[in-house]
Amino acid sequence: MSGAEYEVMIIGAGPAGMTAALYCRRKGLHTLILSKDFGGQANWTTVVENYMGFMEIDGPELMRRFKEQLPGENLTMLEDEAIAFRAEDGHFLVEGKESGAHRGKAVIVATGKRPKKLNVPGEDSLRGKGVSYCSTCDAPLFRAAEVAVVGGGNSGVQAVLDLLAVGARTVYLVTDMEITADPVLAEQIQNHPQVRIYPYSRVVAVHGEKLVTGITVRLEQNETEEELAVEGLFIEIGLEPNSEIFPELWKNQRGEIVVDCHCRTSSSGVFAAGDVTNLPEKQIIIAAGEGAKAAITAWEYVTKVGALQASAAI
C-alpha cells in the first residue's frame, strides 16, 4: 500500500473530479486525485459554447486548462485506473491498477460515464479499427467513406452531422425505433441525399478482419436482414455510469450513485459528483459545480472527524 494517508481521495478526473481537487487543495486538505483519463467525456467534445467565460472552446482544451490549474501543495495526481474500493478500520482504501492501494479519511467519487455497447459479434475485436464510440474524435478518419451510425437520439443524429461535415459519402442511421432527437437536429438529416435511415432496426453483427468491412442490420418490421458495406460504425446509444467497484446500496436501478443536495452518499465519508450520480442534467458546467460542492462538504466532514478525534484523545 502507498505510504501516504490522504484526507480526501478523489476517484475520477473529469470536470467534477478536477474541480473537487482544486477546492480540496485550496482548503489545505492532503488530497489524492486518481484517474486513468484526465478530462473524461469532455475530451470528446469538439466545441463547448455554454461554459461561462468562453464564447467557444474545444473540450480537450478546456480540460487541459482545468488540469493546468490543479498542481500545488497537498495535491497528488496519479494517472491510474481505480480497480477496487472498500472501507476498513474507519478509513477507505482505493486500489489503483498500477499504483496499488491508497488510504484516506474521505472519498469523492467522480468517475463519470462511458458509452454503452451493442454487445454483438465483431464489436470488441474491431474497436478502434472502424468501430468507434466518439464521432467527435474519429469522424475525420472517414472522409469520402460509407459509414453507419447506431442511435436515433441527439448523440446519434449529431454523429451523422459530424460525418457529413467531414465529407462522408453515405451515412446509414440505424435506430431501434423512430428518430427521437430534438427537431432542430432531426430536420437536418431528414431527406438528406447522403443519409439512409433504418428505423425499427438494429445492428446484429460487425464484419471485418483487420478493419470494418460491413455490418448486418436486422429490420424488425419485416424480420429480414440486410448487409451494408461500410468502413466505419459509430455507436451512439447512450452512456452508463462507471460505478462497478462501488457498493450496490449506493446506487439506483441505472447504476448511478444516489446523492443528496450536499453530494453525500448513503455512507458517511463518501461523496459523489458529476455524471456518475443521479443528478438529472449531465453538463460540464453542472459537473464542475457539483465537484466544488462535494469538496466543500468533504472538507466539512474531514474537519469534523479531525475535531472529534482530537477531543477523544484528550
C-alpha atoms as a PDB file:
ATOM      1  CA  MET A   1       0.000   0.000   0.000  1.00  0.00           C
ATOM      2  CA  SER A   2       1.079   3.571  -0.672  1.00  0.00           C
ATOM      3  CA  GLY A   3       2.814   5.057   2.345  1.00  0.00           C
ATOM      4  CA  ALA A   4       0.745   8.249   2.232  1.00  0.00           C
ATOM      5  CA  GLU A   5      -2.558   8.641   4.005  1.00  0.00           C
ATOM      6  CA  TYR A   6      -4.853  11.239   2.489  1.00  0.00           C
ATOM      7  CA  GLU A   7      -7.596  13.323   3.978  1.00  0.00           C
ATOM      8  CA  VAL A   8      -9.592  13.129   0.732  1.00  0.00           C
ATOM      9  CA  MET A   9      -9.252  10.728  -2.185  1.00  0.00           C
ATOM     10  CA  ILE A  10     -10.944  11.730  -5.455  1.00  0.00           C
ATOM     11  CA  ILE A  11     -11.628   8.964  -7.957  1.00  0.00           C
ATOM     12  CA  GLY A  12     -12.083  10.349 -11.457  1.00  0.00           C
ATOM     13  CA  ALA A  13     -10.747  13.468 -13.150  1.00  0.00           C
ATOM     14  CA  GLY A  14     -13.379  14.903 -15.440  1.00  0.00           C
ATOM     15  CA  PRO A  15     -14.860  18.355 -14.764  1.00  0.00           C
ATOM     16  CA  ALA A  16     -16.321  17.211 -11.424  1.00  0.00           C
ATOM     17  CA  GLY A  17     -13.197  15.441 -10.172  1.00  0.00           C
ATOM     18  CA  MET A  18     -10.745  18.152 -11.174  1.00  0.00           C
ATOM     19  CA  THR A  19     -12.887  20.928  -9.707  1.00  0.00           C
ATOM     20  CA  ALA A  20     -13.201  18.938  -6.481  1.00  0.00           C
ATOM     21  CA  ALA A  21      -9.416  18.517  -6.404  1.00  0.00           C
ATOM     22  CA  LEU A  22      -8.865  22.246  -6.815  1.00  0.00           C
ATOM     23  CA  TYR A  23     -11.246  23.089  -3.975  1.00  0.00           C
ATOM     24  CA  CYS A  24      -9.734  20.426  -1.691  1.00  0.00           C
ATOM     25  CA  ARG A  25      -6.249  21.783  -2.383  1.00  0.00           C
ATOM     26  CA  ARG A  26      -7.370  25.337  -1.676  1.00  0.00           C
ATOM     27  CA  LYS A  27      -8.888  24.140   1.612  1.00  0.00           C
ATOM     28  CA  GLY A  28      -5.470  22.742   2.563  1.00  0.00           C
ATOM     29  CA  LEU A  29      -6.565  19.100   2.540  1.00  0.00           C
ATOM     30  CA  HIS A  30      -3.985  16.407   1.800  1.00  0.00           C
ATOM     31  CA  THR A  31      -5.632  15.134  -1.382  1.00  0.00           C
ATOM     32  CA  LEU A  32      -5.199  12.387  -3.964  1.00  0.00           C
ATOM     33  CA  ILE A  33      -6.854  12.523  -7.392  1.00  0.00           C
ATOM     34  CA  LEU A  34      -6.717   9.207  -9.220  1.00  0.00           C
ATOM     35  CA  SER A  35      -7.897   8.709 -12.804  1.00  0.00           C
ATOM     36  CA  LYS A  36      -6.878   6.878 -15.952  1.00  0.00           C
ATOM     37  CA  ASP A  37      -8.205   9.743 -18.084  1.00  0.00           C
ATOM     38  CA  PHE A  38      -7.854  13.371 -17.008  1.00  0.00           C
ATOM     39  CA  GLY A  39     -10.668  15.221 -18.771  1.00  0.00           C
ATOM     40  CA  GLY A  40     -13.096  12.323 -19.136  1.00  0.00           C
ATOM     41  CA  GLN A  41     -16.016  12.646 -21.545  1.00  0.00           C
ATOM     42  CA  ALA A  42     -15.345  16.357 -22.046  1.00  0.00           C
ATOM     43  CA  ASN A  43     -12.287  15.349 -24.085  1.00  0.00           C
ATOM     44  CA  TRP A  44     -14.703  14.020 -26.729  1.00  0.00           C
ATOM     45  CA  THR A  45     -16.434  17.370 -27.246  1.00  0.00           C
ATOM     46  CA  THR A  46     -15.352  19.361 -30.273  1.00  0.00           C
ATOM     47  CA  VAL A  47     -16.813  22.726 -29.299  1.00  0.00           C
ATOM     48  CA  VAL A  48     -18.111  23.938 -25.919  1.00  0.00           C
ATOM     49  CA  GLU A  49     -20.281  27.051 -26.217  1.00  0.00           C
ATOM     50  CA  ASN A  50     -22.057  27.012 -22.851  1.00  0.00           C
ATOM     51  CA  TYR A  51     -19.233  27.190 -20.288  1.00  0.00           C
ATOM     52  CA  MET A  52     -19.157  30.639 -18.739  1.00  0.00           C
ATOM     53  CA  GLY A  53     -16.094  32.725 -19.578  1.00  0.00           C
ATOM     54  CA  PHE A  54     -15.608  31.202 -23.021  1.00  0.00           C
ATOM     55  CA  MET A  55     -17.629  32.122 -26.090  1.00  0.00           C
ATOM     56  CA  GLU A  56     -16.287  28.945 -27.684  1.00  0.00           C
ATOM     57  CA  ILE A  57     -13.586  26.469 -26.684  1.00  0.00           C
ATOM     58  CA  ASP A  58     -12.630  22.921 -27.647  1.00  0.00           C
ATOM     59  CA  GLY A  59     -13.457  20.314 -24.999  1.00  0.00           C
ATOM     60  CA  PRO A  60      -9.873  18.958 -24.803  1.00  0.00           C
ATOM     61  CA  GLU A  61      -8.508  22.499 -24.468  1.00  0.00           C
ATOM     62  CA  LEU A  62     -10.937  23.305 -21.664  1.00  0.00           C
ATOM     63  CA  MET A  63      -9.888  20.142 -19.833  1.00  0.00           C
ATOM     64  CA  ARG A  64      -6.209  20.956 -20.391  1.00  0.00           C
ATOM     65  CA  ARG A  65      -6.816  24.278 -18.664  1.00  0.00           C
ATOM     66  CA  PHE A  66      -8.614  22.530 -15.795  1.00  0.00           C
ATOM     67  CA  LYS A  67      -5.636  20.217 -15.292  1.00  0.00           C
ATOM     68  CA  GLU A  68      -3.120  23.046 -15.643  1.00  0.00           C
ATOM     69  CA  GLN A  69      -4.756  24.815 -12.698  1.00  0.00           C
ATOM     70  CA  LEU A  70      -4.507  21.820 -10.342  1.00  0.00           C
ATOM     71  CA  PRO A  71      -0.869  21.382  -9.229  1.00  0.00           C
ATOM     72  CA  GLY A  72       0.010  22.722  -5.829  1.00  0.00           C
ATOM     73  CA  GLU A  73       0.926  21.821  -2.295  1.00  0.00           C
ATOM     74  CA  ASN A  74      -1.009  18.926  -0.727  1.00  0.00           C
ATOM     75  CA  LEU A  75      -2.300  17.516  -4.040  1.00  0.00           C
ATOM     76  CA  THR A  76      -1.067  14.237  -5.525  1.00  0.00           C
ATOM     77  CA  MET A  77      -2.165  13.498  -9.122  1.00  0.00           C
ATOM     78  CA  LEU A  78      -1.982   9.915 -10.387  1.00  0.00           C
ATOM     79  CA  GLU A  79      -2.952   8.739 -13.875  1.00  0.00           C
ATOM     80  CA  ASP A  80      -4.106   5.235 -12.999  1.00  0.00           C
ATOM     81  CA  GLU A  81      -7.301   3.169 -13.050  1.00  0.00           C
ATOM     82  CA  ALA A  82      -9.151   2.513  -9.784  1.00  0.00           C
ATOM     83  CA  ILE A  83      -9.962  -1.214  -9.716  1.00  0.00           C
ATOM     84  CA  ALA A  84     -11.197  -1.783  -6.155  1.00  0.00           C
ATOM     85  CA  PHE A  85     -12.709   0.112  -3.238  1.00  0.00           C
ATOM     86  CA  ARG A  86     -13.502  -0.820   0.356  1.00  0.00           C
ATOM     87  CA  ALA A  87     -13.911   0.571   3.847  1.00  0.00           C
ATOM     88  CA  GLU A  88     -11.508  -0.599   6.537  1.00  0.00           C
ATOM     89  CA  ASP A  89     -10.985   0.462  10.162  1.00  0.00           C
ATOM     90  CA  GLY A  90     -12.750   3.796   9.822  1.00  0.00           C
ATOM     91  CA  HIS A  91     -10.870   4.662   6.628  1.00  0.00           C
ATOM     92  CA  PHE A  92     -11.290   3.947   2.929  1.00  0.00           C
ATOM     93  CA  LEU A  93      -8.975   2.048   0.614  1.00  0.00           C
ATOM     94  CA  VAL A  94      -8.804   2.644  -3.144  1.00  0.00           C
ATOM     95  CA  GLU A  95      -6.661   0.318  -5.214  1.00  0.00           C
ATOM     96  CA  GLY A  96      -5.006   1.597  -8.379  1.00  0.00           C
ATOM     97  CA  LYS A  97      -4.222  -0.860 -11.163  1.00  0.00           C
ATOM     98  CA  GLU A  98      -0.589   0.248 -11.285  1.00  0.00           C
ATOM     99  CA  SER A  99      -0.106   2.273  -8.119  1.00  0.00           C
ATOM    100  CA  GLY A 100      -1.518  -0.136  -5.552  1.00  0.00           C
ATOM    101  CA  ALA A 101      -3.666   0.718  -2.533  1.00  0.00           C
ATOM    102  CA  HIS A 102      -4.226   4.214  -1.179  1.00  0.00           C
ATOM    103  CA  ARG A 103      -5.794   5.096   2.158  1.00  0.00           C
ATOM    104  CA  GLY A 104      -7.911   8.091   3.089  1.00  0.00           C
ATOM    105  CA  LYS A 105     -10.430   9.549   5.534  1.00  0.00           C
ATOM    106  CA  ALA A 106     -12.973  10.583   2.885  1.00  0.00           C
ATOM    107  CA  VAL A 107     -13.715   9.797  -0.752  1.00  0.00           C
ATOM    108  CA  ILE A 108     -15.251  11.767  -3.609  1.00  0.00           C
ATOM    109  CA  VAL A 109     -16.453   9.557  -6.471  1.00  0.00           C
ATOM    110  CA  ALA A 110     -16.374  11.409  -9.804  1.00  0.00           C
ATOM    111  CA  THR A 111     -15.889   8.535 -12.247  1.00  0.00           C
ATOM    112  CA  GLY A 112     -18.394   9.739 -14.853  1.00  0.00           C
ATOM    113  CA  LYS A 113     -19.986   7.556 -17.513  1.00  0.00           C
ATOM    114  CA  ARG A 114     -18.891   5.521 -20.543  1.00  0.00           C
ATOM    115  CA  PRO A 115     -20.532   4.632 -23.866  1.00  0.00           C
ATOM    116  CA  LYS A 116     -22.971   1.725 -23.968  1.00  0.00           C
ATOM    117  CA  LYS A 117     -22.067  -1.181 -26.244  1.00  0.00           C
ATOM    118  CA  LEU A 118     -24.163  -3.198 -28.676  1.00  0.00           C
ATOM    119  CA  ASN A 119     -22.607  -6.473 -27.489  1.00  0.00           C
ATOM    120  CA  VAL A 120     -22.736  -8.042 -30.955  1.00  0.00           C
ATOM    121  CA  PRO A 121     -20.171 -10.223 -32.772  1.00  0.00           C
ATOM    122  CA  GLY A 122     -17.231  -8.239 -34.121  1.00  0.00           C
ATOM    123  CA  GLU A 123     -17.774  -5.151 -31.969  1.00  0.00           C
ATOM    124  CA  ASP A 124     -14.958  -5.743 -29.495  1.00  0.00           C
ATOM    125  CA  SER A 125     -12.422  -7.168 -31.955  1.00  0.00           C
ATOM    126  CA  LEU A 126     -12.890  -4.220 -34.331  1.00  0.00           C
ATOM    127  CA  ARG A 127     -12.978  -1.449 -31.757  1.00  0.00           C
ATOM    128  CA  GLY A 128     -10.535   1.188 -32.941  1.00  0.00           C
ATOM    129  CA  LYS A 129     -10.444  -0.492 -36.340  1.00  0.00           C
ATOM    130  CA  GLY A 130     -13.609   1.091 -37.651  1.00  0.00           C
ATOM    131  CA  VAL A 131     -15.840   0.691 -34.594  1.00  0.00           C
ATOM    132  CA  SER A 132     -15.991   3.963 -32.668  1.00  0.00           C
ATOM    133  CA  TYR A 133     -17.999   5.468 -29.815  1.00  0.00           C
ATOM    134  CA  CYS A 134     -16.937   9.053 -30.450  1.00  0.00           C
ATOM    135  CA  SER A 135     -17.754  10.886 -33.676  1.00  0.00           C
ATOM    136  CA  THR A 136     -16.014  13.974 -32.331  1.00  0.00           C
ATOM    137  CA  CYS A 137     -12.784  12.000 -32.105  1.00  0.00           C
ATOM    138  CA  ASP A 138     -12.962   9.795 -35.185  1.00  0.00           C
ATOM    139  CA  ALA A 139     -15.274  11.310 -37.804  1.00  0.00           C
ATOM    140  CA  PRO A 140     -12.356  12.928 -39.726  1.00  0.00           C
ATOM    141  CA  LEU A 141     -10.984   9.426 -40.421  1.00  0.00           C
ATOM    142  CA  PHE A 142     -13.989   8.623 -42.616  1.00  0.00           C
ATOM    143  CA  ARG A 143     -13.855  11.327 -45.229  1.00  0.00           C
ATOM    144  CA  ALA A 144     -15.413  10.069 -48.501  1.00  0.00           C
ATOM    145  CA  ALA A 145     -16.371   6.774 -46.806  1.00  0.00           C
ATOM    146  CA  GLU A 146     -19.548   4.742 -46.352  1.00  0.00           C
ATOM    147  CA  VAL A 147     -20.331   4.825 -42.626  1.00  0.00           C
ATOM    148  CA  ALA A 148     -23.100   3.694 -40.265  1.00  0.00           C
ATOM    149  CA  VAL A 149     -24.332   5.251 -37.029  1.00  0.00           C
ATOM    150  CA  VAL A 150     -26.400   3.428 -34.397  1.00  0.00           C
ATOM    151  CA  GLY A 151     -28.720   5.590 -32.306  1.00  0.00           C
ATOM    152  CA  GLY A 152     -31.638   7.874 -33.096  1.00  0.00           C
ATOM    153  CA  GLY A 153     -31.254  10.287 -30.187  1.00  0.00           C
ATOM    154  CA  ASN A 154     -29.371  13.571 -30.098  1.00  0.00           C
ATOM    155  CA  SER A 155     -25.930  11.941 -29.959  1.00  0.00           C
ATOM    156  CA  GLY A 156     -26.713   9.643 -32.892  1.00  0.00           C
ATOM    157  CA  VAL A 157     -28.021  12.402 -35.119  1.00  0.00           C
ATOM    158  CA  GLN A 158     -25.122  14.664 -34.130  1.00  0.00           C
ATOM    159  CA  ALA A 159     -22.745  11.879 -35.171  1.00  0.00           C
ATOM    160  CA  VAL A 160     -24.437  11.793 -38.584  1.00  0.00           C
ATOM    161  CA  LEU A 161     -23.965  15.550 -38.900  1.00  0.00           C
ATOM    162  CA  ASP A 162     -20.310  15.267 -37.820  1.00  0.00           C
ATOM    163  CA  LEU A 163     -19.693  12.663 -40.527  1.00  0.00           C
ATOM    164  CA  LEU A 164     -21.447  14.701 -43.208  1.00  0.00           C
ATOM    165  CA  ALA A 165     -19.397  17.735 -42.189  1.00  0.00           C
ATOM    166  CA  VAL A 166     -16.108  15.926 -42.859  1.00  0.00           C
ATOM    167  CA  GLY A 167     -17.287  14.608 -46.212  1.00  0.00           C
ATOM    168  CA  ALA A 168     -18.533  11.061 -45.605  1.00  0.00           C
ATOM    169  CA  ARG A 169     -20.028   9.751 -48.829  1.00  0.00           C
ATOM    170  CA  THR A 170     -23.064   7.982 -47.352  1.00  0.00           C
ATOM    171  CA  VAL A 171     -24.216   7.720 -43.728  1.00  0.00           C
ATOM    172  CA  TYR A 172     -26.633   4.990 -42.653  1.00  0.00           C
ATOM    173  CA  LEU A 173     -28.540   5.741 -39.439  1.00  0.00           C
ATOM    174  CA  VAL A 174     -29.826   2.637 -37.655  1.00  0.00           C
ATOM    175  CA  THR A 175     -32.252   3.091 -34.759  1.00  0.00           C
ATOM    176  CA  ASP A 176     -34.455   0.627 -32.897  1.00  0.00           C
ATOM    177  CA  MET A 177     -37.415   3.000 -33.149  1.00  0.00           C
ATOM    178  CA  GLU A 178     -38.153   6.326 -34.808  1.00  0.00           C
ATOM    179  CA  ILE A 179     -35.684   9.201 -34.539  1.00  0.00           C
ATOM    180  CA  THR A 180     -36.080  10.778 -31.091  1.00  0.00           C
ATOM    181  CA  ALA A 181     -33.528  13.599 -31.432  1.00  0.00           C
ATOM    182  CA  ASP A 182     -34.562  17.208 -30.953  1.00  0.00           C
ATOM    183  CA  PRO A 183     -36.389  18.507 -34.048  1.00  0.00           C
ATOM    184  CA  VAL A 184     -33.684  21.120 -34.697  1.00  0.00           C
ATOM    185  CA  LEU A 185     -31.220  18.255 -35.222  1.00  0.00           C
ATOM    186  CA  ALA A 186     -33.530  15.688 -36.837  1.00  0.00           C
ATOM    187  CA  GLU A 187     -34.661  18.140 -39.512  1.00  0.00           C
ATOM    188  CA  GLN A 188     -31.084  18.465 -40.756  1.00  0.00           C
ATOM    189  CA  ILE A 189     -30.866  14.806 -41.778  1.00  0.00           C
ATOM    190  CA  GLN A 190     -34.442  14.064 -42.850  1.00  0.00           C
ATOM    191  CA  ASN A 191     -34.476  13.727 -46.646  1.00  0.00           C
ATOM    192  CA  HIS A 192     -30.746  14.454 -46.833  1.00  0.00           C
ATOM    193  CA  PRO A 193     -29.451  12.901 -50.089  1.00  0.00           C
ATOM    194  CA  GLN A 194     -26.447  11.307 -48.367  1.00  0.00           C
ATOM    195  CA  VAL A 195     -28.353   9.829 -45.402  1.00  0.00           C
ATOM    196  CA  ARG A 196     -30.187   6.496 -45.335  1.00  0.00           C
ATOM    197  CA  ILE A 197     -32.382   5.936 -42.278  1.00  0.00           C
ATOM    198  CA  TYR A 198     -33.248   2.454 -40.957  1.00  0.00           C
ATOM    199  CA  PRO A 199     -35.981   2.839 -38.286  1.00  0.00           C
ATOM    200  CA  TYR A 200     -37.083  -0.101 -36.121  1.00  0.00           C
ATOM    201  CA  SER A 201     -33.838  -1.853 -36.932  1.00  0.00           C
ATOM    202  CA  ARG A 202     -30.696  -2.985 -35.135  1.00  0.00           C
ATOM    203  CA  VAL A 203     -27.136  -3.948 -35.954  1.00  0.00           C
ATOM    204  CA  VAL A 204     -26.641  -7.642 -35.154  1.00  0.00           C
ATOM    205  CA  ALA A 205     -23.064  -8.157 -36.375  1.00  0.00           C
ATOM    206  CA  VAL A 206     -19.961  -6.227 -37.405  1.00  0.00           C
ATOM    207  CA  HIS A 207     -17.781  -7.739 -40.135  1.00  0.00           C
ATOM    208  CA  GLY A 208     -14.106  -7.472 -40.972  1.00  0.00           C
ATOM    209  CA  GLU A 209     -10.720  -8.951 -40.195  1.00  0.00           C
ATOM    210  CA  LYS A 210      -8.253  -6.114 -39.624  1.00  0.00           C
ATOM    211  CA  LEU A 211     -10.759  -3.327 -40.384  1.00  0.00           C
ATOM    212  CA  VAL A 212     -14.543  -2.976 -40.530  1.00  0.00           C
ATOM    213  CA  THR A 213     -15.875  -4.016 -43.942  1.00  0.00           C
ATOM    214  CA  GLY A 214     -19.595  -4.178 -43.227  1.00  0.00           C
ATOM    215  CA  ILE A 215     -22.475  -4.725 -40.819  1.00  0.00           C
ATOM    216  CA  THR A 216     -25.618  -6.837 -40.695  1.00  0.00           C
ATOM    217  CA  VAL A 217     -28.806  -4.894 -39.986  1.00  0.00           C
ATOM    218  CA  ARG A 218     -31.974  -6.649 -38.860  1.00  0.00           C
ATOM    219  CA  LEU A 219     -35.193  -4.900 -39.942  1.00  0.00           C
ATOM    220  CA  GLU A 220     -37.625  -5.799 -37.185  1.00  0.00           C
ATOM    221  CA  GLN A 221     -40.810  -4.825 -39.033  1.00  0.00           C
ATOM    222  CA  ASN A 222     -40.423  -7.483 -41.709  1.00  0.00           C
ATOM    223  CA  GLU A 223     -37.926  -9.712 -39.869  1.00  0.00           C
ATOM    224  CA  THR A 224     -35.337  -9.552 -42.628  1.00  0.00           C
ATOM    225  CA  GLU A 225     -31.621  -8.847 -42.578  1.00  0.00           C
ATOM    226  CA  GLU A 226     -29.577  -6.609 -44.834  1.00  0.00           C
ATOM    227  CA  GLU A 227     -25.825  -6.409 -45.332  1.00  0.00           C
ATOM    228  CA  LEU A 228     -24.337  -2.914 -45.570  1.00  0.00           C
ATOM    229  CA  ALA A 229     -20.808  -2.411 -46.885  1.00  0.00           C
ATOM    230  CA  VAL A 230     -19.391   0.241 -44.559  1.00  0.00           C
ATOM    231  CA  GLU A 231     -15.914   1.183 -43.413  1.00  0.00           C
ATOM    232  CA  GLY A 232     -16.947   2.556 -40.058  1.00  0.00           C
ATOM    233  CA  LEU A 233     -19.568   2.071 -37.354  1.00  0.00           C
ATOM    234  CA  PHE A 234     -20.309   4.764 -34.770  1.00  0.00           C
ATOM    235  CA  ILE A 235     -22.227   3.521 -31.725  1.00  0.00           C
ATOM    236  CA  GLU A 236     -24.175   6.342 -30.082  1.00  0.00           C
ATOM    237  CA  ILE A 237     -26.777   4.656 -27.859  1.00  0.00           C
ATOM    238  CA  GLY A 238     -26.131   6.399 -24.585  1.00  0.00           C
ATOM    239  CA  LEU A 239     -23.886   6.115 -21.583  1.00  0.00           C
ATOM    240  CA  GLU A 240     -23.662   4.030 -18.419  1.00  0.00           C
ATOM    241  CA  PRO A 241     -22.067   5.009 -15.092  1.00  0.00           C
ATOM    242  CA  ASN A 242     -18.577   3.873 -14.126  1.00  0.00           C
ATOM    243  CA  SER A 243     -19.740   2.582 -10.762  1.00  0.00           C
ATOM    244  CA  GLU A 244     -18.954  -1.145 -10.789  1.00  0.00           C
ATOM    245  CA  ILE A 245     -16.394  -1.083  -7.967  1.00  0.00           C
ATOM    246  CA  PHE A 246     -18.741   0.660  -5.551  1.00  0.00           C
ATOM    247  CA  PRO A 247     -21.404  -0.929  -3.287  1.00  0.00           C
ATOM    248  CA  GLU A 248     -24.837  -1.582  -4.759  1.00  0.00           C
ATOM    249  CA  LEU A 249     -26.508   0.077  -1.787  1.00  0.00           C
ATOM    250  CA  TRP A 250     -25.252   3.443  -3.049  1.00  0.00           C
ATOM    251  CA  LYS A 251     -26.890   3.103  -6.479  1.00  0.00           C
ATOM    252  CA  ASN A 252     -30.239   3.429  -8.210  1.00  0.00           C
ATOM    253  CA  GLN A 253     -31.569   0.998 -10.854  1.00  0.00           C
ATOM    254  CA  ARG A 254     -29.475   2.685 -13.567  1.00  0.00           C
ATOM    255  CA  GLY A 255     -26.283   2.141 -11.594  1.00  0.00           C
ATOM    256  CA  GLU A 256     -25.949   5.833 -10.768  1.00  0.00           C
ATOM    257  CA  ILE A 257     -24.710   6.778  -7.306  1.00  0.00           C
ATOM    258  CA  VAL A 258     -27.519   8.433  -5.366  1.00  0.00           C
ATOM    259  CA  VAL A 259     -26.577  11.666  -3.605  1.00  0.00           C
ATOM    260  CA  ASP A 260     -28.395  14.319  -1.631  1.00  0.00           C
ATOM    261  CA  CYS A 261     -28.184  18.054  -2.297  1.00  0.00           C
ATOM    262  CA  HIS A 262     -24.826  18.156  -0.481  1.00  0.00           C
ATOM    263  CA  CYS A 263     -23.321  15.384  -2.660  1.00  0.00           C
ATOM    264  CA  ARG A 264     -23.446  12.907   0.248  1.00  0.00           C
ATOM    265  CA  THR A 265     -23.997   9.213  -0.457  1.00  0.00           C
ATOM    266  CA  SER A 266     -25.657   6.789   1.956  1.00  0.00           C
ATOM    267  CA  SER A 267     -22.228   6.049   3.513  1.00  0.00           C
ATOM    268  CA  SER A 268     -20.668   8.554   5.896  1.00  0.00           C
ATOM    269  CA  GLY A 269     -17.449   9.994   4.492  1.00  0.00           C
ATOM    270  CA  VAL A 270     -18.254   9.143   0.871  1.00  0.00           C
ATOM    271  CA  PHE A 271     -19.392  11.831  -1.551  1.00  0.00           C
ATOM    272  CA  ALA A 272     -20.060  11.804  -5.292  1.00  0.00           C
ATOM    273  CA  ALA A 273     -20.347  14.364  -8.067  1.00  0.00           C
ATOM    274  CA  GLY A 274     -20.869  14.649 -11.796  1.00  0.00           C
ATOM    275  CA  ASP A 275     -22.285  12.237 -14.355  1.00  0.00           C
ATOM    276  CA  VAL A 276     -21.821   9.125 -12.189  1.00  0.00           C
ATOM    277  CA  THR A 277     -24.562  10.421  -9.854  1.00  0.00           C
ATOM    278  CA  ASN A 278     -28.340  10.558 -10.178  1.00  0.00           C
ATOM    279  CA  LEU A 279     -28.107  14.281 -10.910  1.00  0.00           C
ATOM    280  CA  PRO A 280     -30.681  14.855 -13.688  1.00  0.00           C
ATOM    281  CA  GLU A 281     -28.641  17.009 -16.081  1.00  0.00           C
ATOM    282  CA  LYS A 282     -25.264  15.905 -17.481  1.00  0.00           C
ATOM    283  CA  GLN A 283     -23.418  19.094 -18.410  1.00  0.00           C
ATOM    284  CA  ILE A 284     -19.804  20.218 -17.938  1.00  0.00           C
ATOM    285  CA  ILE A 285     -20.780  23.325 -16.014  1.00  0.00           C
ATOM    286  CA  ILE A 286     -23.111  21.374 -13.719  1.00  0.00           C
ATOM    287  CA  ALA A 287     -20.499  18.661 -13.075  1.00  0.00           C
ATOM    288  CA  ALA A 288     -17.923  21.299 -12.169  1.00  0.00           C
ATOM    289  CA  GLY A 289     -20.324  22.963  -9.738  1.00  0.00           C
ATOM    290  CA  GLU A 290     -21.175  19.642  -8.124  1.00  0.00           C
ATOM    291  CA  GLY A 291     -17.464  18.866  -7.792  1.00  0.00           C
ATOM    292  CA  ALA A 292     -16.944  22.119  -5.907  1.00  0.00           C
ATOM    293  CA  LYS A 293     -19.904  21.343  -3.667  1.00  0.00           C
ATOM    294  CA  ALA A 294     -18.650  17.805  -2.960  1.00  0.00           C
ATOM    295  CA  ALA A 295     -15.224  19.158  -1.996  1.00  0.00           C
ATOM    296  CA  ILE A 296     -16.674  21.694   0.428  1.00  0.00           C
ATOM    297  CA  THR A 297     -18.883  19.029   2.021  1.00  0.00           C
ATOM    298  CA  ALA A 298     -15.915  16.644   2.252  1.00  0.00           C
ATOM    299  CA  TRP A 299     -13.836  19.395   3.891  1.00  0.00           C
ATOM    300  CA  GLU A 300     -16.589  19.922   6.460  1.00  0.00           C
ATOM    301  CA  TYR A 301     -16.680  16.174   7.123  1.00  0.00           C
ATOM    302  CA  VAL A 302     -12.892  15.801   7.477  1.00  0.00           C
ATOM    303  CA  THR A 303     -12.699  18.844   9.738  1.00  0.00           C
ATOM    304  CA  LYS A 304     -15.453  17.442  11.951  1.00  0.00           C
ATOM    305  CA  VAL A 305     -13.826  13.988  12.110  1.00  0.00           C
ATOM    306  CA  GLY A 306     -10.492  15.572  12.978  1.00  0.00           C
ATOM    307  CA  ALA A 307     -12.085  17.610  15.764  1.00  0.00           C
ATOM    308  CA  LEU A 308     -13.809  14.522  17.195  1.00  0.00           C
ATOM    309  CA  GLN A 309     -10.567  12.559  17.127  1.00  0.00           C
ATOM    310  CA  ALA A 310      -8.690  15.359  18.875  1.00  0.00           C
ATOM    311  CA  SER A 311     -11.438  15.604  21.520  1.00  0.00           C
ATOM    312  CA  ALA A 312     -11.320  11.838  22.112  1.00  0.00           C
ATOM    313  CA  ALA A 313      -7.551  11.984  22.608  1.00  0.00           C
ATOM    314  CA  ILE A 314      -7.808  14.496  25.457  1.00  0.00           C
END
